[in-house]
């Protein structure tokens, strides 16, 4: 059975079972997922939570044959199930991912998960950019989508990039925005305020923003440019709050205490970039991917 059909069947079955009147207990958190620490309570209302049907469908997607061995191996460091559950994803949501990248690592997860009951929006780089890196990345991402239409045919591709593409969707039309290891790029170019404001505008009132990025040593001097790729967590929170968001919770899901965060060539010394090539490769392999903060924000409900 094709993966898209499996996801649809899993969602339907789990939903049906959930309505049979049997008492349901809260699913236990995976052992690898530390409990999130509430930071600031939401202004009002109830935040979205992942349901059993969505989590079952997510498990099916993560086990899908469409994922390469290399991408699947990175689950150890990226914790996609725990991260998306922390953000409260549901299969019927409209979800926009900011800068999925040329390879679309999370596209492989989000597009099939949302294909039949929700909507996946990939907000990438501005196609009018004159950057060769951007143009090559856009072509690679388009080729990925075209290579598996059974999974990616309903992906909506748009652009969100300062300064020329800051309206990726109609205002107030998205339930959840996620972005992974991109805030430091926006900080390096003084683009973070504009990008975060565009995200704020795109979200529905009460919508959620989930951010993951490389976490700087909290005792080190704050670098607003994030030149090493590492971002001070409290500084990041302040940037997002300045755009109008409320911090709801933080999580240590993507923490890595082995990351010393003191490399001459920054976070790119570690996998998956391996900026030093084979030099000291065993040392950096033993560390693994970077220590990362995982933050959940909400756009305040309309008054």
C-alpha atoms as a PDB file:
ATOM      1  CA  UNK A   1       0.000   0.000   0.000  1.00  0.00           C
ATOM      2  CA  UNK A   2       1.311   3.477  -0.906  1.00  0.00           C
ATOM      3  CA  UNK A   3       2.405   5.649   2.010  1.00  0.00           C
ATOM      4  CA  UNK A   4      -0.240   8.306   1.363  1.00  0.00           C
ATOM      5  CA  UNK A   5      -2.948   5.633   1.573  1.00  0.00           C
ATOM      6  CA  UNK A   6      -1.402   4.211   4.739  1.00  0.00           C
ATOM      7  CA  UNK A   7      -1.405   7.630   6.415  1.00  0.00           C
ATOM      8  CA  UNK A   8      -5.046   8.196   5.439  1.00  0.00           C
ATOM      9  CA  UNK A   9      -6.049   4.784   6.753  1.00  0.00           C
ATOM     10  CA  UNK A  10      -4.150   5.267  10.014  1.00  0.00           C
ATOM     11  CA  UNK A  11      -5.765   8.655  10.645  1.00  0.00           C
ATOM     12  CA  UNK A  12      -9.225   7.278   9.887  1.00  0.00           C
ATOM     13  CA  UNK A  13      -8.751   4.214  12.105  1.00  0.00           C
ATOM     14  CA  UNK A  14      -7.338   6.135  15.043  1.00  0.00           C
ATOM     15  CA  UNK A  15     -10.091   8.731  14.781  1.00  0.00           C
ATOM     16  CA  UNK A  16     -12.766   6.049  14.686  1.00  0.00           C
ATOM     17  CA  UNK A  17     -11.329   4.243  17.683  1.00  0.00           C
ATOM     18  CA  UNK A  18     -11.147   7.497  19.563  1.00  0.00           C
ATOM     19  CA  UNK A  19     -14.896   7.945  19.175  1.00  0.00           C
ATOM     20  CA  UNK A  20     -15.963   4.530  20.482  1.00  0.00           C
ATOM     21  CA  UNK A  21     -16.568   5.690  24.022  1.00  0.00           C
ATOM     22  CA  UNK A  22     -13.691   3.818  25.624  1.00  0.00           C
ATOM     23  CA  UNK A  23     -11.840   5.883  28.207  1.00  0.00           C
ATOM     24  CA  UNK A  24      -8.658   7.368  26.833  1.00  0.00           C
ATOM     25  CA  UNK A  25      -5.597   8.161  28.880  1.00  0.00           C
ATOM     26  CA  UNK A  26      -2.947  10.656  27.884  1.00  0.00           C
ATOM     27  CA  UNK A  27      -0.232   8.865  25.873  1.00  0.00           C
ATOM     28  CA  UNK A  28       3.022   8.508  27.754  1.00  0.00           C
ATOM     29  CA  UNK A  29       5.827  10.699  26.455  1.00  0.00           C
ATOM     30  CA  UNK A  30       8.623   8.776  24.724  1.00  0.00           C
ATOM     31  CA  UNK A  31      11.559   8.067  27.030  1.00  0.00           C
ATOM     32  CA  UNK A  32      13.810  10.169  24.786  1.00  0.00           C
ATOM     33  CA  UNK A  33      11.576  13.236  25.076  1.00  0.00           C
ATOM     34  CA  UNK A  34      12.096  15.245  28.279  1.00  0.00           C
ATOM     35  CA  UNK A  35       9.010  17.052  29.489  1.00  0.00           C
ATOM     36  CA  UNK A  36       8.630  20.619  28.264  1.00  0.00           C
ATOM     37  CA  UNK A  37       8.936  23.322  30.874  1.00  0.00           C
ATOM     38  CA  UNK A  38       6.071  25.846  30.671  1.00  0.00           C
ATOM     39  CA  UNK A  39       7.415  29.355  30.306  1.00  0.00           C
ATOM     40  CA  UNK A  40       4.479  31.729  29.999  1.00  0.00           C
ATOM     41  CA  UNK A  41       0.833  30.546  29.977  1.00  0.00           C
ATOM     42  CA  UNK A  42      -1.146  31.307  26.821  1.00  0.00           C
ATOM     43  CA  UNK A  43      -3.136  34.508  26.899  1.00  0.00           C
ATOM     44  CA  UNK A  44      -6.416  32.632  26.602  1.00  0.00           C
ATOM     45  CA  UNK A  45      -8.015  29.586  25.062  1.00  0.00           C
ATOM     46  CA  UNK A  46      -6.551  26.130  24.649  1.00  0.00           C
ATOM     47  CA  UNK A  47      -3.410  25.482  22.658  1.00  0.00           C
ATOM     48  CA  UNK A  48      -3.560  22.769  19.980  1.00  0.00           C
ATOM     49  CA  UNK A  49      -2.330  19.319  20.980  1.00  0.00           C
ATOM     50  CA  UNK A  50      -1.368  16.408  18.780  1.00  0.00           C
ATOM     51  CA  UNK A  51      -4.024  13.692  18.820  1.00  0.00           C
ATOM     52  CA  UNK A  52      -3.547   9.927  18.694  1.00  0.00           C
ATOM     53  CA  UNK A  53      -4.492   9.750  15.021  1.00  0.00           C
ATOM     54  CA  UNK A  54      -1.848  12.298  14.067  1.00  0.00           C
ATOM     55  CA  UNK A  55       0.869  10.600  16.105  1.00  0.00           C
ATOM     56  CA  UNK A  56       0.034   7.208  14.584  1.00  0.00           C
ATOM     57  CA  UNK A  57       0.167   8.707  11.105  1.00  0.00           C
ATOM     58  CA  UNK A  58       3.445  10.425  11.965  1.00  0.00           C
ATOM     59  CA  UNK A  59       4.935   7.103  13.009  1.00  0.00           C
ATOM     60  CA  UNK A  60       3.909   5.622   9.657  1.00  0.00           C
ATOM     61  CA  UNK A  61       5.509   8.504   7.768  1.00  0.00           C
ATOM     62  CA  UNK A  62       8.752   8.293   9.714  1.00  0.00           C
ATOM     63  CA  UNK A  63       8.967   4.573   8.914  1.00  0.00           C
ATOM     64  CA  UNK A  64       8.195   5.167   5.230  1.00  0.00           C
ATOM     65  CA  UNK A  65      10.420   3.801   2.475  1.00  0.00           C
ATOM     66  CA  UNK A  66      10.546   7.245   0.853  1.00  0.00           C
ATOM     67  CA  UNK A  67      13.026   8.409   3.508  1.00  0.00           C
ATOM     68  CA  UNK A  68      16.692   7.789   2.754  1.00  0.00           C
ATOM     69  CA  UNK A  69      18.890   5.938   5.227  1.00  0.00           C
ATOM     70  CA  UNK A  70      20.908   9.125   5.717  1.00  0.00           C
ATOM     71  CA  UNK A  71      17.846  11.182   6.581  1.00  0.00           C
ATOM     72  CA  UNK A  72      16.436   8.482   8.824  1.00  0.00           C
ATOM     73  CA  UNK A  73      19.751   8.294  10.724  1.00  0.00           C
ATOM     74  CA  UNK A  74      19.392  11.947  11.670  1.00  0.00           C
ATOM     75  CA  UNK A  75      16.206  11.216  13.633  1.00  0.00           C
ATOM     76  CA  UNK A  76      18.576  10.464  16.508  1.00  0.00           C
ATOM     77  CA  UNK A  77      19.547  14.137  16.599  1.00  0.00           C
ATOM     78  CA  UNK A  78      16.478  15.896  15.189  1.00  0.00           C
ATOM     79  CA  UNK A  79      13.747  13.987  17.074  1.00  0.00           C
ATOM     80  CA  UNK A  80      10.991  14.737  14.542  1.00  0.00           C
ATOM     81  CA  UNK A  81       8.218  12.868  16.363  1.00  0.00           C
ATOM     82  CA  UNK A  82       8.875  14.466  19.719  1.00  0.00           C
ATOM     83  CA  UNK A  83       9.496  17.910  18.228  1.00  0.00           C
ATOM     84  CA  UNK A  84       6.308  18.018  16.154  1.00  0.00           C
ATOM     85  CA  UNK A  85       4.262  16.643  19.047  1.00  0.00           C
ATOM     86  CA  UNK A  86       5.698  19.368  21.297  1.00  0.00           C
ATOM     87  CA  UNK A  87       4.533  21.969  18.785  1.00  0.00           C
ATOM     88  CA  UNK A  88       1.057  20.375  18.836  1.00  0.00           C
ATOM     89  CA  UNK A  89       0.830  19.390  15.176  1.00  0.00           C
ATOM     90  CA  UNK A  90      -2.368  17.758  13.905  1.00  0.00           C
ATOM     91  CA  UNK A  91      -2.944  16.139  10.533  1.00  0.00           C
ATOM     92  CA  UNK A  92      -5.790  18.547   9.727  1.00  0.00           C
ATOM     93  CA  UNK A  93      -3.744  21.723  10.230  1.00  0.00           C
ATOM     94  CA  UNK A  94      -2.413  24.237   7.744  1.00  0.00           C
ATOM     95  CA  UNK A  95       1.322  24.151   8.476  1.00  0.00           C
ATOM     96  CA  UNK A  96       3.952  26.403   6.924  1.00  0.00           C
ATOM     97  CA  UNK A  97       7.612  25.464   7.111  1.00  0.00           C
ATOM     98  CA  UNK A  98      10.023  28.359   6.638  1.00  0.00           C
ATOM     99  CA  UNK A  99      13.070  27.559   4.508  1.00  0.00           C
ATOM    100  CA  UNK A 100      12.806  23.778   4.100  1.00  0.00           C
ATOM    101  CA  UNK A 101      16.153  23.904   2.282  1.00  0.00           C
ATOM    102  CA  UNK A 102      17.303  22.288  -0.916  1.00  0.00           C
ATOM    103  CA  UNK A 103      16.900  18.764   0.459  1.00  0.00           C
ATOM    104  CA  UNK A 104      13.615  19.195   2.296  1.00  0.00           C
ATOM    105  CA  UNK A 105      14.427  17.014   5.316  1.00  0.00           C
ATOM    106  CA  UNK A 106      11.234  17.917   7.139  1.00  0.00           C
ATOM    107  CA  UNK A 107       9.301  18.067   3.856  1.00  0.00           C
ATOM    108  CA  UNK A 108       9.609  14.262   3.755  1.00  0.00           C
ATOM    109  CA  UNK A 109       7.718  14.202   7.051  1.00  0.00           C
ATOM    110  CA  UNK A 110       5.270  17.096   6.842  1.00  0.00           C
ATOM    111  CA  UNK A 111       4.057  16.771   3.259  1.00  0.00           C
ATOM    112  CA  UNK A 112       2.752  13.182   3.528  1.00  0.00           C
ATOM    113  CA  UNK A 113       1.470  13.737   7.064  1.00  0.00           C
ATOM    114  CA  UNK A 114      -0.682  16.702   5.991  1.00  0.00           C
ATOM    115  CA  UNK A 115      -1.456  15.641   2.426  1.00  0.00           C
ATOM    116  CA  UNK A 116      -5.007  14.322   2.800  1.00  0.00           C
ATOM    117  CA  UNK A 117      -6.475  16.167   5.762  1.00  0.00           C
ATOM    118  CA  UNK A 118      -4.420  19.334   6.128  1.00  0.00           C
ATOM    119  CA  UNK A 119      -2.128  21.531   4.069  1.00  0.00           C
ATOM    120  CA  UNK A 120       1.660  21.775   3.902  1.00  0.00           C
ATOM    121  CA  UNK A 121       3.127  25.071   2.732  1.00  0.00           C
ATOM    122  CA  UNK A 122       6.838  25.209   1.946  1.00  0.00           C
ATOM    123  CA  UNK A 123       7.945  28.834   2.233  1.00  0.00           C
ATOM    124  CA  UNK A 124      11.364  28.861   0.649  1.00  0.00           C
ATOM    125  CA  UNK A 125      13.722  31.381  -0.848  1.00  0.00           C
ATOM    126  CA  UNK A 126      12.706  34.226  -3.148  1.00  0.00           C
ATOM    127  CA  UNK A 127      12.768  32.985  -6.780  1.00  0.00           C
ATOM    128  CA  UNK A 128      13.687  36.493  -7.912  1.00  0.00           C
ATOM    129  CA  UNK A 129      16.977  36.322  -5.972  1.00  0.00           C
ATOM    130  CA  UNK A 130      20.159  36.665  -7.994  1.00  0.00           C
ATOM    131  CA  UNK A 131      22.049  34.360  -5.617  1.00  0.00           C
ATOM    132  CA  UNK A 132      23.353  31.200  -7.283  1.00  0.00           C
ATOM    133  CA  UNK A 133      23.044  29.377  -3.952  1.00  0.00           C
ATOM    134  CA  UNK A 134      19.373  30.319  -3.736  1.00  0.00           C
ATOM    135  CA  UNK A 135      18.614  29.414  -7.343  1.00  0.00           C
ATOM    136  CA  UNK A 136      20.392  26.061  -7.072  1.00  0.00           C
ATOM    137  CA  UNK A 137      18.498  25.331  -3.843  1.00  0.00           C
ATOM    138  CA  UNK A 138      15.149  26.181  -5.401  1.00  0.00           C
ATOM    139  CA  UNK A 139      15.808  23.866  -8.333  1.00  0.00           C
ATOM    140  CA  UNK A 140      16.874  21.033  -6.047  1.00  0.00           C
ATOM    141  CA  UNK A 141      13.764  21.387  -3.925  1.00  0.00           C
ATOM    142  CA  UNK A 142      11.516  21.488  -6.986  1.00  0.00           C
ATOM    143  CA  UNK A 143      13.185  18.332  -8.299  1.00  0.00           C
ATOM    144  CA  UNK A 144      12.549  16.606  -4.981  1.00  0.00           C
ATOM    145  CA  UNK A 145       8.848  17.401  -5.151  1.00  0.00           C
ATOM    146  CA  UNK A 146       8.574  16.363  -8.786  1.00  0.00           C
ATOM    147  CA  UNK A 147      10.336  13.071  -8.050  1.00  0.00           C
ATOM    148  CA  UNK A 148       7.532  11.714  -5.847  1.00  0.00           C
ATOM    149  CA  UNK A 149       4.161  13.232  -6.780  1.00  0.00           C
ATOM    150  CA  UNK A 150       2.281  10.592  -4.789  1.00  0.00           C
ATOM    151  CA  UNK A 151       3.570  12.284  -1.635  1.00  0.00           C
ATOM    152  CA  UNK A 152       4.382  15.850  -2.663  1.00  0.00           C
ATOM    153  CA  UNK A 153       1.775  16.750  -5.286  1.00  0.00           C
ATOM    154  CA  UNK A 154      -0.269  18.843  -2.852  1.00  0.00           C
ATOM    155  CA  UNK A 155       2.646  20.779  -1.419  1.00  0.00           C
ATOM    156  CA  UNK A 156       2.081  24.504  -1.777  1.00  0.00           C
ATOM    157  CA  UNK A 157       5.335  26.268  -2.591  1.00  0.00           C
ATOM    158  CA  UNK A 158       5.700  29.937  -1.767  1.00  0.00           C
ATOM    159  CA  UNK A 159       8.485  32.311  -0.751  1.00  0.00           C
ATOM    160  CA  UNK A 160       9.422  34.134   2.439  1.00  0.00           C
ATOM    161  CA  UNK A 161      12.686  36.022   2.214  1.00  0.00           C
ATOM    162  CA  UNK A 162      13.712  39.551   3.080  1.00  0.00           C
ATOM    163  CA  UNK A 163      13.357  42.053   1.492  1.00  0.00           C
ATOM    164  CA  UNK A 164      11.267  41.176  -1.556  1.00  0.00           C
ATOM    165  CA  UNK A 165       9.054  38.269  -0.477  1.00  0.00           C
ATOM    166  CA  UNK A 166       7.449  38.946   2.897  1.00  0.00           C
ATOM    167  CA  UNK A 167       3.849  37.924   2.164  1.00  0.00           C
ATOM    168  CA  UNK A 168       3.999  34.159   1.593  1.00  0.00           C
ATOM    169  CA  UNK A 169       0.301  33.537   2.327  1.00  0.00           C
ATOM    170  CA  UNK A 170      -2.813  35.598   3.055  1.00  0.00           C
ATOM    171  CA  UNK A 171      -2.697  37.128   6.529  1.00  0.00           C
ATOM    172  CA  UNK A 172      -4.142  35.018   9.317  1.00  0.00           C
ATOM    173  CA  UNK A 173      -4.339  31.798   7.291  1.00  0.00           C
ATOM    174  CA  UNK A 174      -1.864  29.408   8.987  1.00  0.00           C
ATOM    175  CA  UNK A 175      -2.315  27.276  12.128  1.00  0.00           C
ATOM    176  CA  UNK A 176       1.322  26.382  12.746  1.00  0.00           C
ATOM    177  CA  UNK A 177       4.640  27.750  11.477  1.00  0.00           C
ATOM    178  CA  UNK A 178       7.846  25.789  12.002  1.00  0.00           C
ATOM    179  CA  UNK A 179      11.428  26.639  11.175  1.00  0.00           C
ATOM    180  CA  UNK A 180      14.513  24.586  11.902  1.00  0.00           C
ATOM    181  CA  UNK A 181      18.020  26.037  12.298  1.00  0.00           C
ATOM    182  CA  UNK A 182      17.253  29.220  10.378  1.00  0.00           C
ATOM    183  CA  UNK A 183      17.032  31.991  12.955  1.00  0.00           C
ATOM    184  CA  UNK A 184      20.825  32.339  13.037  1.00  0.00           C
ATOM    185  CA  UNK A 185      20.825  32.966   9.272  1.00  0.00           C
ATOM    186  CA  UNK A 186      18.318  35.787   9.643  1.00  0.00           C
ATOM    187  CA  UNK A 187      20.285  37.278  12.534  1.00  0.00           C
ATOM    188  CA  UNK A 188      23.492  37.253  10.471  1.00  0.00           C
ATOM    189  CA  UNK A 189      21.802  39.479   7.884  1.00  0.00           C
ATOM    190  CA  UNK A 190      19.797  41.679  10.284  1.00  0.00           C
ATOM    191  CA  UNK A 191      16.641  40.150   8.819  1.00  0.00           C
ATOM    192  CA  UNK A 192      15.173  38.477  11.901  1.00  0.00           C
ATOM    193  CA  UNK A 193      12.699  41.246  12.863  1.00  0.00           C
ATOM    194  CA  UNK A 194      11.223  41.412   9.352  1.00  0.00           C
ATOM    195  CA  UNK A 195      11.014  37.632   8.979  1.00  0.00           C
ATOM    196  CA  UNK A 196       9.393  37.167  12.380  1.00  0.00           C
ATOM    197  CA  UNK A 197       6.896  39.923  11.699  1.00  0.00           C
ATOM    198  CA  UNK A 198       5.953  38.254   8.413  1.00  0.00           C
ATOM    199  CA  UNK A 199       5.410  34.982  10.272  1.00  0.00           C
ATOM    200  CA  UNK A 200       3.294  36.737  12.885  1.00  0.00           C
ATOM    201  CA  UNK A 201       1.095  38.192  10.135  1.00  0.00           C
ATOM    202  CA  UNK A 202       0.687  34.808   8.407  1.00  0.00           C
ATOM    203  CA  UNK A 203      -0.535  33.013  11.543  1.00  0.00           C
ATOM    204  CA  UNK A 204      -4.121  32.892  12.674  1.00  0.00           C
ATOM    205  CA  UNK A 205      -4.844  34.453  16.069  1.00  0.00           C
ATOM    206  CA  UNK A 206      -3.865  31.771  18.583  1.00  0.00           C
ATOM    207  CA  UNK A 207      -1.568  30.136  16.009  1.00  0.00           C
ATOM    208  CA  UNK A 208       1.735  28.557  16.988  1.00  0.00           C
ATOM    209  CA  UNK A 209       5.338  29.248  15.980  1.00  0.00           C
ATOM    210  CA  UNK A 210       7.879  26.492  16.630  1.00  0.00           C
ATOM    211  CA  UNK A 211      11.583  27.304  16.430  1.00  0.00           C
ATOM    212  CA  UNK A 212      14.637  25.053  16.734  1.00  0.00           C
ATOM    213  CA  UNK A 213      18.168  26.435  16.494  1.00  0.00           C
ATOM    214  CA  UNK A 214      21.734  25.902  17.657  1.00  0.00           C
ATOM    215  CA  UNK A 215      22.051  27.017  21.280  1.00  0.00           C
ATOM    216  CA  UNK A 216      24.986  29.189  22.334  1.00  0.00           C
ATOM    217  CA  UNK A 217      26.772  28.889  25.660  1.00  0.00           C
ATOM    218  CA  UNK A 218      24.610  31.001  27.999  1.00  0.00           C
ATOM    219  CA  UNK A 219      27.760  32.240  29.738  1.00  0.00           C
ATOM    220  CA  UNK A 220      29.341  33.523  26.531  1.00  0.00           C
ATOM    221  CA  UNK A 221      28.927  37.078  25.279  1.00  0.00           C
ATOM    222  CA  UNK A 222      25.750  37.471  23.224  1.00  0.00           C
ATOM    223  CA  UNK A 223      26.426  37.819  19.497  1.00  0.00           C
ATOM    224  CA  UNK A 224      23.460  39.442  17.707  1.00  0.00           C
ATOM    225  CA  UNK A 225      24.954  38.274  14.403  1.00  0.00           C
ATOM    226  CA  UNK A 226      25.307  34.629  15.544  1.00  0.00           C
ATOM    227  CA  UNK A 227      28.598  34.404  13.657  1.00  0.00           C
ATOM    228  CA  UNK A 228      29.349  30.903  14.930  1.00  0.00           C
ATOM    229  CA  UNK A 229      25.852  29.679  14.062  1.00  0.00           C
ATOM    230  CA  UNK A 230      24.997  29.428  17.752  1.00  0.00           C
ATOM    231  CA  UNK A 231      22.230  31.656  19.172  1.00  0.00           C
ATOM    232  CA  UNK A 232      21.807  32.791  22.756  1.00  0.00           C
ATOM    233  CA  UNK A 233      18.455  31.305  23.789  1.00  0.00           C
ATOM    234  CA  UNK A 234      17.283  34.284  25.830  1.00  0.00           C
ATOM    235  CA  UNK A 235      18.251  36.650  23.031  1.00  0.00           C
ATOM    236  CA  UNK A 236      16.228  34.532  20.598  1.00  0.00           C
ATOM    237  CA  UNK A 237      13.220  34.640  22.893  1.00  0.00           C
ATOM    238  CA  UNK A 238      13.465  38.415  23.059  1.00  0.00           C
ATOM    239  CA  UNK A 239      13.598  38.711  19.268  1.00  0.00           C
ATOM    240  CA  UNK A 240      10.461  36.627  18.837  1.00  0.00           C
ATOM    241  CA  UNK A 241       8.588  38.379  21.630  1.00  0.00           C
ATOM    242  CA  UNK A 242       9.435  41.733  20.041  1.00  0.00           C
ATOM    243  CA  UNK A 243       7.433  40.600  16.988  1.00  0.00           C
ATOM    244  CA  UNK A 244       4.342  40.183  19.190  1.00  0.00           C
ATOM    245  CA  UNK A 245       4.540  36.518  20.172  1.00  0.00           C
ATOM    246  CA  UNK A 246       4.018  35.017  23.620  1.00  0.00           C
ATOM    247  CA  UNK A 247       6.442  32.344  24.778  1.00  0.00           C
ATOM    248  CA  UNK A 248       4.402  29.281  25.716  1.00  0.00           C
ATOM    249  CA  UNK A 249       6.995  26.620  26.507  1.00  0.00           C
ATOM    250  CA  UNK A 250      10.537  25.432  25.941  1.00  0.00           C
ATOM    251  CA  UNK A 251      11.828  21.879  25.666  1.00  0.00           C
ATOM    252  CA  UNK A 252      15.114  20.025  25.931  1.00  0.00           C
ATOM    253  CA  UNK A 253      14.046  17.518  23.247  1.00  0.00           C
ATOM    254  CA  UNK A 254      16.910  18.583  20.979  1.00  0.00           C
ATOM    255  CA  UNK A 255      19.553  19.201  23.642  1.00  0.00           C
ATOM    256  CA  UNK A 256      23.034  17.706  23.316  1.00  0.00           C
ATOM    257  CA  UNK A 257      25.220  18.193  26.397  1.00  0.00           C
ATOM    258  CA  UNK A 258      28.277  16.834  24.545  1.00  0.00           C
ATOM    259  CA  UNK A 259      28.352  19.915  22.318  1.00  0.00           C
ATOM    260  CA  UNK A 260      31.045  22.246  23.722  1.00  0.00           C
ATOM    261  CA  UNK A 261      30.078  25.077  21.308  1.00  0.00           C
ATOM    262  CA  UNK A 262      33.639  26.415  21.143  1.00  0.00           C
ATOM    263  CA  UNK A 263      34.873  25.388  17.683  1.00  0.00           C
ATOM    264  CA  UNK A 264      37.017  27.729  15.566  1.00  0.00           C
ATOM    265  CA  UNK A 265      34.766  27.158  12.560  1.00  0.00           C
ATOM    266  CA  UNK A 266      31.538  27.329  14.515  1.00  0.00           C
ATOM    267  CA  UNK A 267      28.651  24.888  14.549  1.00  0.00           C
ATOM    268  CA  UNK A 268      29.474  23.833  11.000  1.00  0.00           C
ATOM    269  CA  UNK A 269      32.415  21.870  12.419  1.00  0.00           C
ATOM    270  CA  UNK A 270      29.926  19.239  13.600  1.00  0.00           C
ATOM    271  CA  UNK A 271      27.855  16.836  11.519  1.00  0.00           C
ATOM    272  CA  UNK A 272      26.078  17.064   9.181  1.00  0.00           C
ATOM    273  CA  UNK A 273      28.282  19.830   7.690  1.00  0.00           C
ATOM    274  CA  UNK A 274      31.734  18.491   8.682  1.00  0.00           C
ATOM    275  CA  UNK A 275      33.503  21.715   7.694  1.00  0.00           C
ATOM    276  CA  UNK A 276      36.909  20.228   8.589  1.00  0.00           C
ATOM    277  CA  UNK A 277      36.350  17.228   6.365  1.00  0.00           C
ATOM    278  CA  UNK A 278      38.097  14.166   7.752  1.00  0.00           C
ATOM    279  CA  UNK A 279      40.187  16.093  10.278  1.00  0.00           C
ATOM    280  CA  UNK A 280      39.272  14.968  13.810  1.00  0.00           C
ATOM    281  CA  UNK A 281      36.189  13.364  12.333  1.00  0.00           C
ATOM    282  CA  UNK A 282      35.910  10.697  15.028  1.00  0.00           C
ATOM    283  CA  UNK A 283      35.980  13.373  17.726  1.00  0.00           C
ATOM    284  CA  UNK A 284      33.133  15.316  16.162  1.00  0.00           C
ATOM    285  CA  UNK A 285      31.169  12.189  15.323  1.00  0.00           C
ATOM    286  CA  UNK A 286      31.279  11.287  19.012  1.00  0.00           C
ATOM    287  CA  UNK A 287      29.793  14.693  19.850  1.00  0.00           C
ATOM    288  CA  UNK A 288      27.071  14.409  17.224  1.00  0.00           C
ATOM    289  CA  UNK A 289      24.882  17.220  15.959  1.00  0.00           C
ATOM    290  CA  UNK A 290      24.601  20.501  17.831  1.00  0.00           C
ATOM    291  CA  UNK A 291      22.924  21.336  21.113  1.00  0.00           C
ATOM    292  CA  UNK A 292      19.619  23.019  20.189  1.00  0.00           C
ATOM    293  CA  UNK A 293      16.867  24.929  21.900  1.00  0.00           C
ATOM    294  CA  UNK A 294      13.260  24.155  21.037  1.00  0.00           C
ATOM    295  CA  UNK A 295      10.817  26.999  21.630  1.00  0.00           C
ATOM    296  CA  UNK A 296       7.046  27.220  21.252  1.00  0.00           C
ATOM    297  CA  UNK A 297       5.370  30.609  20.839  1.00  0.00           C
ATOM    298  CA  UNK A 298       1.765  31.666  20.305  1.00  0.00           C
ATOM    299  CA  UNK A 299       0.225  34.590  18.480  1.00  0.00           C
ATOM    300  CA  UNK A 300      -2.180  36.154  20.984  1.00  0.00           C
ATOM    301  CA  UNK A 301      -5.877  35.487  20.300  1.00  0.00           C
ATOM    302  CA  UNK A 302      -7.875  38.278  18.712  1.00  0.00           C
ATOM    303  CA  UNK A 303      -9.630  40.557  21.166  1.00  0.00           C
END
